[in-house]
Amino acid sequence: MANSKEEWQKYQEALRRGDKEAAAEYFRRYLEAKKAEGKGGGSRPTLVNLSTKAKDYPNAVPLEDIPRVIQEKPEFFELLRRMAGK
């Protein structure tokens, strides 16, 4: 199993390529790697968007739900893709 840093890099590359399925899978693998390294078992972090614009995804997404939301909500995927840079 790759370490969390490698999985994160693969996730970023998948976002830049626009590959939604791969991005979701690599993020899932990233979370598993963090947990295996003993760095993901404490708090339950949540990705929060403070924008007031209407969108088709929730404002707060728990990290473990991000892979599902990436696949289900194109607008959320595009937001992450913009954050990763093109």
PDB file of N, CA and C in Angstrom:
ATOM      1  N   MET A   1       0.849  -1.189   0.000  1.00  0.00           N
ATOM      2  CA  MET A   1       0.000   0.000   0.000  1.00  0.00           C
ATOM      3  C   MET A   1       0.889   1.245   0.000  1.00  0.00           C
ATOM      4  N   ALA A   2       0.505   2.189  -0.824  1.00  0.00           N
ATOM      5  CA  ALA A   2       1.250   3.438  -0.907  1.00  0.00           C
ATOM      6  C   ALA A   2       0.990   4.283   0.335  1.00  0.00           C
ATOM      7  N   ASN A   3       1.906   5.197   0.607  1.00  0.00           N
ATOM      8  CA  ASN A   3       1.683   6.072   1.764  1.00  0.00           C
ATOM      9  C   ASN A   3       0.700   7.182   1.396  1.00  0.00           C
ATOM     10  N   SER A   4       0.257   7.900   2.409  1.00  0.00           N
ATOM     11  CA  SER A   4      -0.785   8.912   2.199  1.00  0.00           C
ATOM     12  C   SER A   4      -0.315  10.035   1.272  1.00  0.00           C
ATOM     13  N   LYS A   5       0.960  10.376   1.336  1.00  0.00           N
ATOM     14  CA  LYS A   5       1.470  11.457   0.480  1.00  0.00           C
ATOM     15  C   LYS A   5       1.387  11.056  -0.992  1.00  0.00           C
ATOM     16  N   GLU A   6       1.731   9.802  -1.302  1.00  0.00           N
ATOM     17  CA  GLU A   6       1.649   9.331  -2.685  1.00  0.00           C
ATOM     18  C   GLU A   6       0.203   9.290  -3.171  1.00  0.00           C
ATOM     19  N   GLU A   7      -0.702   8.815  -2.302  1.00  0.00           N
ATOM     20  CA  GLU A   7      -2.115   8.756  -2.675  1.00  0.00           C
ATOM     21  C   GLU A   7      -2.676  10.164  -2.886  1.00  0.00           C
ATOM     22  N   TRP A   8      -2.239  11.116  -2.067  1.00  0.00           N
ATOM     23  CA  TRP A   8      -2.699  12.500  -2.221  1.00  0.00           C
ATOM     24  C   TRP A   8      -2.241  13.055  -3.571  1.00  0.00           C
ATOM     25  N   GLN A   9      -0.997  12.775  -3.943  1.00  0.00           N
ATOM     26  CA  GLN A   9      -0.486  13.251  -5.230  1.00  0.00           C
ATOM     27  C   GLN A   9      -1.270  12.636  -6.387  1.00  0.00           C
ATOM     28  N   LYS A  10      -1.594  11.346  -6.284  1.00  0.00           N
ATOM     29  CA  LYS A  10      -2.383  10.684  -7.325  1.00  0.00           C
ATOM     30  C   LYS A  10      -3.781  11.302  -7.400  1.00  0.00           C
ATOM     31  N   TYR A  11      -4.346  11.619  -6.241  1.00  0.00           N
ATOM     32  CA  TYR A  11      -5.656  12.273  -6.188  1.00  0.00           C
ATOM     33  C   TYR A  11      -5.605  13.623  -6.892  1.00  0.00           C
ATOM     34  N   GLN A  12      -4.581  14.426  -6.606  1.00  0.00           N
ATOM     35  CA  GLN A  12      -4.423  15.743  -7.229  1.00  0.00           C
ATOM     36  C   GLN A  12      -4.283  15.606  -8.748  1.00  0.00           C
ATOM     37  N   GLU A  13      -3.504  14.613  -9.198  1.00  0.00           N
ATOM     38  CA  GLU A  13      -3.319  14.399 -10.635  1.00  0.00           C
ATOM     39  C   GLU A  13      -4.639  14.004 -11.295  1.00  0.00           C
ATOM     40  N   ALA A  14      -5.419  13.152 -10.642  1.00  0.00           N
ATOM     41  CA  ALA A  14      -6.717  12.737 -11.194  1.00  0.00           C
ATOM     42  C   ALA A  14      -7.655  13.944 -11.301  1.00  0.00           C
ATOM     43  N   LEU A  15      -7.628  14.834 -10.300  1.00  0.00           N
ATOM     44  CA  LEU A  15      -8.444  16.045 -10.373  1.00  0.00           C
ATOM     45  C   LEU A  15      -8.035  16.895 -11.569  1.00  0.00           C
ATOM     46  N   ARG A  16      -6.755  17.073 -11.754  1.00  0.00           N
ATOM     47  CA  ARG A  16      -6.261  17.914 -12.858  1.00  0.00           C
ATOM     48  C   ARG A  16      -6.625  17.317 -14.213  1.00  0.00           C
ATOM     49  N   ARG A  17      -6.632  15.971 -14.303  1.00  0.00           N
ATOM     50  CA  ARG A  17      -7.013  15.299 -15.549  1.00  0.00           C
ATOM     51  C   ARG A  17      -8.517  15.351 -15.786  1.00  0.00           C
ATOM     52  N   GLY A  18      -9.272  15.597 -14.715  1.00  0.00           N
ATOM     53  CA  GLY A  18     -10.726  15.607 -14.840  1.00  0.00           C
ATOM     54  C   GLY A  18     -11.335  14.225 -14.730  1.00  0.00           C
ATOM     55  N   ASP A  19     -10.607  13.279 -14.136  1.00  0.00           N
ATOM     56  CA  ASP A  19     -11.067  11.900 -13.990  1.00  0.00           C
ATOM     57  C   ASP A  19     -11.770  11.733 -12.645  1.00  0.00           C
ATOM     58  N   LYS A  20     -13.085  11.849 -12.669  1.00  0.00           N
ATOM     59  CA  LYS A  20     -13.896  11.846 -11.453  1.00  0.00           C
ATOM     60  C   LYS A  20     -13.795  10.519 -10.694  1.00  0.00           C
ATOM     61  N   GLU A  21     -13.884   9.390 -11.402  1.00  0.00           N
ATOM     62  CA  GLU A  21     -13.843   8.083 -10.744  1.00  0.00           C
ATOM     63  C   GLU A  21     -12.488   7.834 -10.085  1.00  0.00           C
ATOM     64  N   ALA A  22     -11.412   8.164 -10.802  1.00  0.00           N
ATOM     65  CA  ALA A  22     -10.073   7.972 -10.242  1.00  0.00           C
ATOM     66  C   ALA A  22      -9.859   8.893  -9.040  1.00  0.00           C
ATOM     67  N   ALA A  23     -10.331  10.125  -9.122  1.00  0.00           N
ATOM     68  CA  ALA A  23     -10.176  11.058  -8.003  1.00  0.00           C
ATOM     69  C   ALA A  23     -10.875  10.515  -6.761  1.00  0.00           C
ATOM     70  N   ALA A  24     -12.089  10.007  -6.931  1.00  0.00           N
ATOM     71  CA  ALA A  24     -12.819   9.444  -5.791  1.00  0.00           C
ATOM     72  C   ALA A  24     -12.073   8.249  -5.203  1.00  0.00           C
ATOM     73  N   GLU A  25     -11.561   7.377  -6.063  1.00  0.00           N
ATOM     74  CA  GLU A  25     -10.840   6.191  -5.588  1.00  0.00           C
ATOM     75  C   GLU A  25      -9.544   6.583  -4.872  1.00  0.00           C
ATOM     76  N   TYR A  26      -8.786   7.502  -5.440  1.00  0.00           N
ATOM     77  CA  TYR A  26      -7.533   7.913  -4.804  1.00  0.00           C
ATOM     78  C   TYR A  26      -7.782   8.631  -3.481  1.00  0.00           C
ATOM     79  N   PHE A  27      -8.870   9.400  -3.388  1.00  0.00           N
ATOM     80  CA  PHE A  27      -9.170  10.047  -2.113  1.00  0.00           C
ATOM     81  C   PHE A  27      -9.531   8.995  -1.070  1.00  0.00           C
ATOM     82  N   ARG A  28     -10.294   7.983  -1.470  1.00  0.00           N
ATOM     83  CA  ARG A  28     -10.636   6.882  -0.571  1.00  0.00           C
ATOM     84  C   ARG A  28      -9.347   6.182  -0.088  1.00  0.00           C
ATOM     85  N   ARG A  29      -8.443   5.929  -1.025  1.00  0.00           N
ATOM     86  CA  ARG A  29      -7.178   5.278  -0.678  1.00  0.00           C
ATOM     87  C   ARG A  29      -6.307   6.172   0.211  1.00  0.00           C
ATOM     88  N   TYR A  30      -6.365   7.479  -0.033  1.00  0.00           N
ATOM     89  CA  TYR A  30      -5.640   8.439   0.801  1.00  0.00           C
ATOM     90  C   TYR A  30      -6.124   8.349   2.252  1.00  0.00           C
ATOM     91  N   LEU A  31      -7.443   8.340   2.448  1.00  0.00           N
ATOM     92  CA  LEU A  31      -7.993   8.241   3.803  1.00  0.00           C
ATOM     93  C   LEU A  31      -7.587   6.935   4.475  1.00  0.00           C
ATOM     94  N   GLU A  32      -7.601   5.834   3.719  1.00  0.00           N
ATOM     95  CA  GLU A  32      -7.180   4.541   4.270  1.00  0.00           C
ATOM     96  C   GLU A  32      -5.706   4.569   4.664  1.00  0.00           C
ATOM     97  N   ALA A  33      -4.868   5.183   3.821  1.00  0.00           N
ATOM     98  CA  ALA A  33      -3.435   5.269   4.117  1.00  0.00           C
ATOM     99  C   ALA A  33      -3.190   6.114   5.359  1.00  0.00           C
ATOM    100  N   LYS A  34      -3.920   7.233   5.490  1.00  0.00           N
ATOM    101  CA  LYS A  34      -3.775   8.073   6.685  1.00  0.00           C
ATOM    102  C   LYS A  34      -4.125   7.283   7.939  1.00  0.00           C
ATOM    103  N   LYS A  35      -5.204   6.520   7.855  1.00  0.00           N
ATOM    104  CA  LYS A  35      -5.629   5.724   8.997  1.00  0.00           C
ATOM    105  C   LYS A  35      -4.576   4.659   9.326  1.00  0.00           C
ATOM    106  N   ALA A  36      -4.022   4.022   8.304  1.00  0.00           N
ATOM    107  CA  ALA A  36      -2.994   2.998   8.509  1.00  0.00           C
ATOM    108  C   ALA A  36      -1.729   3.590   9.132  1.00  0.00           C
ATOM    109  N   GLU A  37      -1.446   4.839   8.815  1.00  0.00           N
ATOM    110  CA  GLU A  37      -0.278   5.525   9.382  1.00  0.00           C
ATOM    111  C   GLU A  37      -0.552   6.034  10.790  1.00  0.00           C
ATOM    112  N   GLY A  38      -1.780   5.876  11.254  1.00  0.00           N
ATOM    113  CA  GLY A  38      -2.137   6.342  12.585  1.00  0.00           C
ATOM    114  C   GLY A  38      -2.406   7.829  12.649  1.00  0.00           C
ATOM    115  N   LYS A  39      -2.729   8.423  11.500  1.00  0.00           N
ATOM    116  CA  LYS A  39      -2.938   9.870  11.463  1.00  0.00           C
ATOM    117  C   LYS A  39      -4.380  10.249  11.163  1.00  0.00           C
ATOM    118  N   GLY A  40      -5.284   9.294  11.093  1.00  0.00           N
ATOM    119  CA  GLY A  40      -6.632   9.651  10.695  1.00  0.00           C
ATOM    120  C   GLY A  40      -7.714   9.152  11.628  1.00  0.00           C
ATOM    121  N   GLY A  41      -7.375   8.733  12.818  1.00  0.00           N
ATOM    122  CA  GLY A  41      -8.372   8.132  13.675  1.00  0.00           C
ATOM    123  C   GLY A  41      -8.945   9.027  14.750  1.00  0.00           C
ATOM    124  N   GLY A  42      -8.428  10.210  14.928  1.00  0.00           N
ATOM    125  CA  GLY A  42      -8.863  11.075  16.020  1.00  0.00           C
ATOM    126  C   GLY A  42     -10.142  11.827  15.741  1.00  0.00           C
ATOM    127  N   SER A  43     -10.015  13.038  15.314  1.00  0.00           N
ATOM    128  CA  SER A  43     -11.181  13.883  15.071  1.00  0.00           C
ATOM    129  C   SER A  43     -11.879  13.475  13.771  1.00  0.00           C
ATOM    130  N   ARG A  44     -13.048  14.039  13.535  1.00  0.00           N
ATOM    131  CA  ARG A  44     -13.808  13.768  12.319  1.00  0.00           C
ATOM    132  C   ARG A  44     -13.889  15.058  11.502  1.00  0.00           C
ATOM    133  N   PRO A  45     -12.845  15.353  10.726  1.00  0.00           N
ATOM    134  CA  PRO A  45     -12.799  16.606   9.977  1.00  0.00           C
ATOM    135  C   PRO A  45     -13.888  16.685   8.910  1.00  0.00           C
ATOM    136  N   THR A  46     -14.256  17.908   8.570  1.00  0.00           N
ATOM    137  CA  THR A  46     -15.295  18.179   7.588  1.00  0.00           C
ATOM    138  C   THR A  46     -14.820  19.287   6.663  1.00  0.00           C
ATOM    139  N   LEU A  47     -15.032  19.093   5.356  1.00  0.00           N
ATOM    140  CA  LEU A  47     -14.737  20.128   4.382  1.00  0.00           C
ATOM    141  C   LEU A  47     -15.930  21.073   4.359  1.00  0.00           C
ATOM    142  N   VAL A  48     -15.683  22.358   4.597  1.00  0.00           N
ATOM    143  CA  VAL A  48     -16.772  23.329   4.678  1.00  0.00           C
ATOM    144  C   VAL A  48     -16.575  24.395   3.614  1.00  0.00           C
ATOM    145  N   ASN A  49     -17.653  24.706   2.891  1.00  0.00           N
ATOM    146  CA  ASN A  49     -17.651  25.754   1.896  1.00  0.00           C
ATOM    147  C   ASN A  49     -18.487  26.906   2.448  1.00  0.00           C
ATOM    148  N   LEU A  50     -17.902  28.067   2.596  1.00  0.00           N
ATOM    149  CA  LEU A  50     -18.597  29.204   3.182  1.00  0.00           C
ATOM    150  C   LEU A  50     -19.250  30.112   2.141  1.00  0.00           C
ATOM    151  N   SER A  51     -19.263  29.693   0.899  1.00  0.00           N
ATOM    152  CA  SER A  51     -19.877  30.482  -0.165  1.00  0.00           C
ATOM    153  C   SER A  51     -21.381  30.598   0.063  1.00  0.00           C
ATOM    154  N   THR A  52     -21.921  31.736  -0.332  1.00  0.00           N
ATOM    155  CA  THR A  52     -23.366  31.943  -0.197  1.00  0.00           C
ATOM    156  C   THR A  52     -24.105  31.605  -1.490  1.00  0.00           C
ATOM    157  N   LYS A  53     -23.375  31.250  -2.554  1.00  0.00           N
ATOM    158  CA  LYS A  53     -24.019  30.908  -3.813  1.00  0.00           C
ATOM    159  C   LYS A  53     -24.752  29.576  -3.676  1.00  0.00           C
ATOM    160  N   ALA A  54     -25.881  29.460  -4.352  1.00  0.00           N
ATOM    161  CA  ALA A  54     -26.641  28.205  -4.352  1.00  0.00           C
ATOM    162  C   ALA A  54     -25.835  27.140  -5.095  1.00  0.00           C
ATOM    163  N   LYS A  55     -25.850  25.942  -4.563  1.00  0.00           N
ATOM    164  CA  LYS A  55     -25.120  24.839  -5.186  1.00  0.00           C
ATOM    165  C   LYS A  55     -25.884  23.542  -4.967  1.00  0.00           C
ATOM    166  N   ASP A  56     -25.495  22.510  -5.701  1.00  0.00           N
ATOM    167  CA  ASP A  56     -26.221  21.253  -5.620  1.00  0.00           C
ATOM    168  C   ASP A  56     -25.586  20.257  -4.645  1.00  0.00           C
ATOM    169  N   TYR A  57     -24.690  20.700  -3.783  1.00  0.00           N
ATOM    170  CA  TYR A  57     -24.080  19.823  -2.786  1.00  0.00           C
ATOM    171  C   TYR A  57     -24.117  20.534  -1.436  1.00  0.00           C
ATOM    172  N   PRO A  58     -23.992  19.779  -0.346  1.00  0.00           N
ATOM    173  CA  PRO A  58     -24.061  20.398   0.988  1.00  0.00           C
ATOM    174  C   PRO A  58     -22.871  21.318   1.263  1.00  0.00           C
ATOM    175  N   ASN A  59     -23.064  22.267   2.173  1.00  0.00           N
ATOM    176  CA  ASN A  59     -21.981  23.175   2.560  1.00  0.00           C
ATOM    177  C   ASN A  59     -20.903  22.472   3.369  1.00  0.00           C
ATOM    178  N   ALA A  60     -21.269  21.443   4.093  1.00  0.00           N
ATOM    179  CA  ALA A  60     -20.316  20.715   4.925  1.00  0.00           C
ATOM    180  C   ALA A  60     -20.322  19.243   4.517  1.00  0.00           C
ATOM    181  N   VAL A  61     -19.141  18.719   4.166  1.00  0.00           N
ATOM    182  CA  VAL A  61     -19.015  17.332   3.727  1.00  0.00           C
ATOM    183  C   VAL A  61     -17.961  16.652   4.589  1.00  0.00           C
ATOM    184  N   PRO A  62     -18.347  15.641   5.400  1.00  0.00           N
ATOM    185  CA  PRO A  62     -17.350  14.891   6.165  1.00  0.00           C
ATOM    186  C   PRO A  62     -16.343  14.249   5.206  1.00  0.00           C
ATOM    187  N   LEU A  63     -15.083  14.180   5.607  1.00  0.00           N
ATOM    188  CA  LEU A  63     -14.040  13.664   4.718  1.00  0.00           C
ATOM    189  C   LEU A  63     -14.362  12.290   4.168  1.00  0.00           C
ATOM    190  N   GLU A  64     -14.935  11.410   4.986  1.00  0.00           N
ATOM    191  CA  GLU A  64     -15.213  10.060   4.497  1.00  0.00           C
ATOM    192  C   GLU A  64     -16.315  10.041   3.433  1.00  0.00           C
ATOM    193  N   ASP A  65     -17.092  11.120   3.309  1.00  0.00           N
ATOM    194  CA  ASP A  65     -18.141  11.194   2.291  1.00  0.00           C
ATOM    195  C   ASP A  65     -17.672  11.852   0.993  1.00  0.00           C
ATOM    196  N   ILE A  66     -16.482  12.423   0.981  1.00  0.00           N
ATOM    197  CA  ILE A  66     -15.998  13.139  -0.199  1.00  0.00           C
ATOM    198  C   ILE A  66     -15.946  12.244  -1.438  1.00  0.00           C
ATOM    199  N   PRO A  67     -15.450  11.004  -1.374  1.00  0.00           N
ATOM    200  CA  PRO A  67     -15.443  10.185  -2.594  1.00  0.00           C
ATOM    201  C   PRO A  67     -16.842  10.009  -3.199  1.00  0.00           C
ATOM    202  N   ARG A  68     -17.854   9.800  -2.359  1.00  0.00           N
ATOM    203  CA  ARG A  68     -19.222   9.633  -2.847  1.00  0.00           C
ATOM    204  C   ARG A  68     -19.738  10.923  -3.481  1.00  0.00           C
ATOM    205  N   VAL A  69     -19.491  12.050  -2.825  1.00  0.00           N
ATOM    206  CA  VAL A  69     -19.978  13.336  -3.332  1.00  0.00           C
ATOM    207  C   VAL A  69     -19.248  13.716  -4.622  1.00  0.00           C
ATOM    208  N   ILE A  70     -17.972  13.369  -4.745  1.00  0.00           N
ATOM    209  CA  ILE A  70     -17.227  13.621  -5.983  1.00  0.00           C
ATOM    210  C   ILE A  70     -17.940  12.944  -7.150  1.00  0.00           C
ATOM    211  N   GLN A  71     -18.361  11.700  -6.949  1.00  0.00           N
ATOM    212  CA  GLN A  71     -18.991  10.952  -8.030  1.00  0.00           C
ATOM    213  C   GLN A  71     -20.431  11.402  -8.295  1.00  0.00           C
ATOM    214  N   GLU A  72     -21.129  11.855  -7.283  1.00  0.00           N
ATOM    215  CA  GLU A  72     -22.541  12.189  -7.432  1.00  0.00           C
ATOM    216  C   GLU A  72     -22.798  13.630  -7.855  1.00  0.00           C
ATOM    217  N   LYS A  73     -21.924  14.548  -7.498  1.00  0.00           N
ATOM    218  CA  LYS A  73     -22.180  15.977  -7.712  1.00  0.00           C
ATOM    219  C   LYS A  73     -21.099  16.606  -8.589  1.00  0.00           C
ATOM    220  N   PRO A  74     -21.387  16.815  -9.870  1.00  0.00           N
ATOM    221  CA  PRO A  74     -20.387  17.407 -10.774  1.00  0.00           C
ATOM    222  C   PRO A  74     -19.887  18.783 -10.317  1.00  0.00           C
ATOM    223  N   GLU A  75     -20.748  19.582  -9.725  1.00  0.00           N
ATOM    224  CA  GLU A  75     -20.345  20.917  -9.273  1.00  0.00           C
ATOM    225  C   GLU A  75     -19.295  20.821  -8.159  1.00  0.00           C
ATOM    226  N   PHE A  76     -19.448  19.861  -7.263  1.00  0.00           N
ATOM    227  CA  PHE A  76     -18.483  19.647  -6.182  1.00  0.00           C
ATOM    228  C   PHE A  76     -17.147  19.203  -6.764  1.00  0.00           C
ATOM    229  N   PHE A  77     -17.191  18.275  -7.731  1.00  0.00           N
ATOM    230  CA  PHE A  77     -15.967  17.822  -8.391  1.00  0.00           C
ATOM    231  C   PHE A  77     -15.252  18.989  -9.053  1.00  0.00           C
ATOM    232  N   GLU A  78     -15.984  19.853  -9.741  1.00  0.00           N
ATOM    233  CA  GLU A  78     -15.369  21.000 -10.405  1.00  0.00           C
ATOM    234  C   GLU A  78     -14.748  21.963  -9.399  1.00  0.00           C
ATOM    235  N   LEU A  79     -15.383  22.141  -8.248  1.00  0.00           N
ATOM    236  CA  LEU A  79     -14.814  22.986  -7.198  1.00  0.00           C
ATOM    237  C   LEU A  79     -13.470  22.420  -6.735  1.00  0.00           C
ATOM    238  N   LEU A  80     -13.420  21.126  -6.465  1.00  0.00           N
ATOM    239  CA  LEU A  80     -12.157  20.507  -6.051  1.00  0.00           C
ATOM    240  C   LEU A  80     -11.119  20.597  -7.144  1.00  0.00           C
ATOM    241  N   ARG A  81     -11.561  20.438  -8.361  1.00  0.00           N
ATOM    242  CA  ARG A  81     -10.643  20.522  -9.504  1.00  0.00           C
ATOM    243  C   ARG A  81     -10.035  21.912  -9.607  1.00  0.00           C
ATOM    244  N   ARG A  82     -10.860  22.946  -9.414  1.00  0.00           N
ATOM    245  CA  ARG A  82     -10.338  24.327  -9.435  1.00  0.00           C
ATOM    246  C   ARG A  82      -9.355  24.544  -8.291  1.00  0.00           C
ATOM    247  N   MET A  83      -9.651  23.976  -7.128  1.00  0.00           N
ATOM    248  CA  MET A  83      -8.760  24.148  -5.969  1.00  0.00           C
ATOM    249  C   MET A  83      -7.416  23.467  -6.224  1.00  0.00           C
ATOM    250  N   ALA A  84      -7.402  22.363  -6.954  1.00  0.00           N
ATOM    251  CA  ALA A  84      -6.163  21.635  -7.246  1.00  0.00           C
ATOM    252  C   ALA A  84      -5.324  22.358  -8.281  1.00  0.00           C
ATOM    253  N   GLY A  85      -5.942  23.226  -9.044  1.00  0.00           N
ATOM    254  CA  GLY A  85      -5.216  23.934 -10.100  1.00  0.00           C
ATOM    255  C   GLY A  85      -5.218  23.106 -11.361  1.00  0.00           C
ATOM    256  N   LYS A  86      -5.138  23.798 -12.462  1.00  0.00           N
ATOM    257  CA  LYS A  86      -5.202  23.086 -13.748  1.00  0.00           C
ATOM    258  C   LYS A  86      -3.870  23.006 -14.393  1.00  0.00           C
TER     259      LYS A  86
END
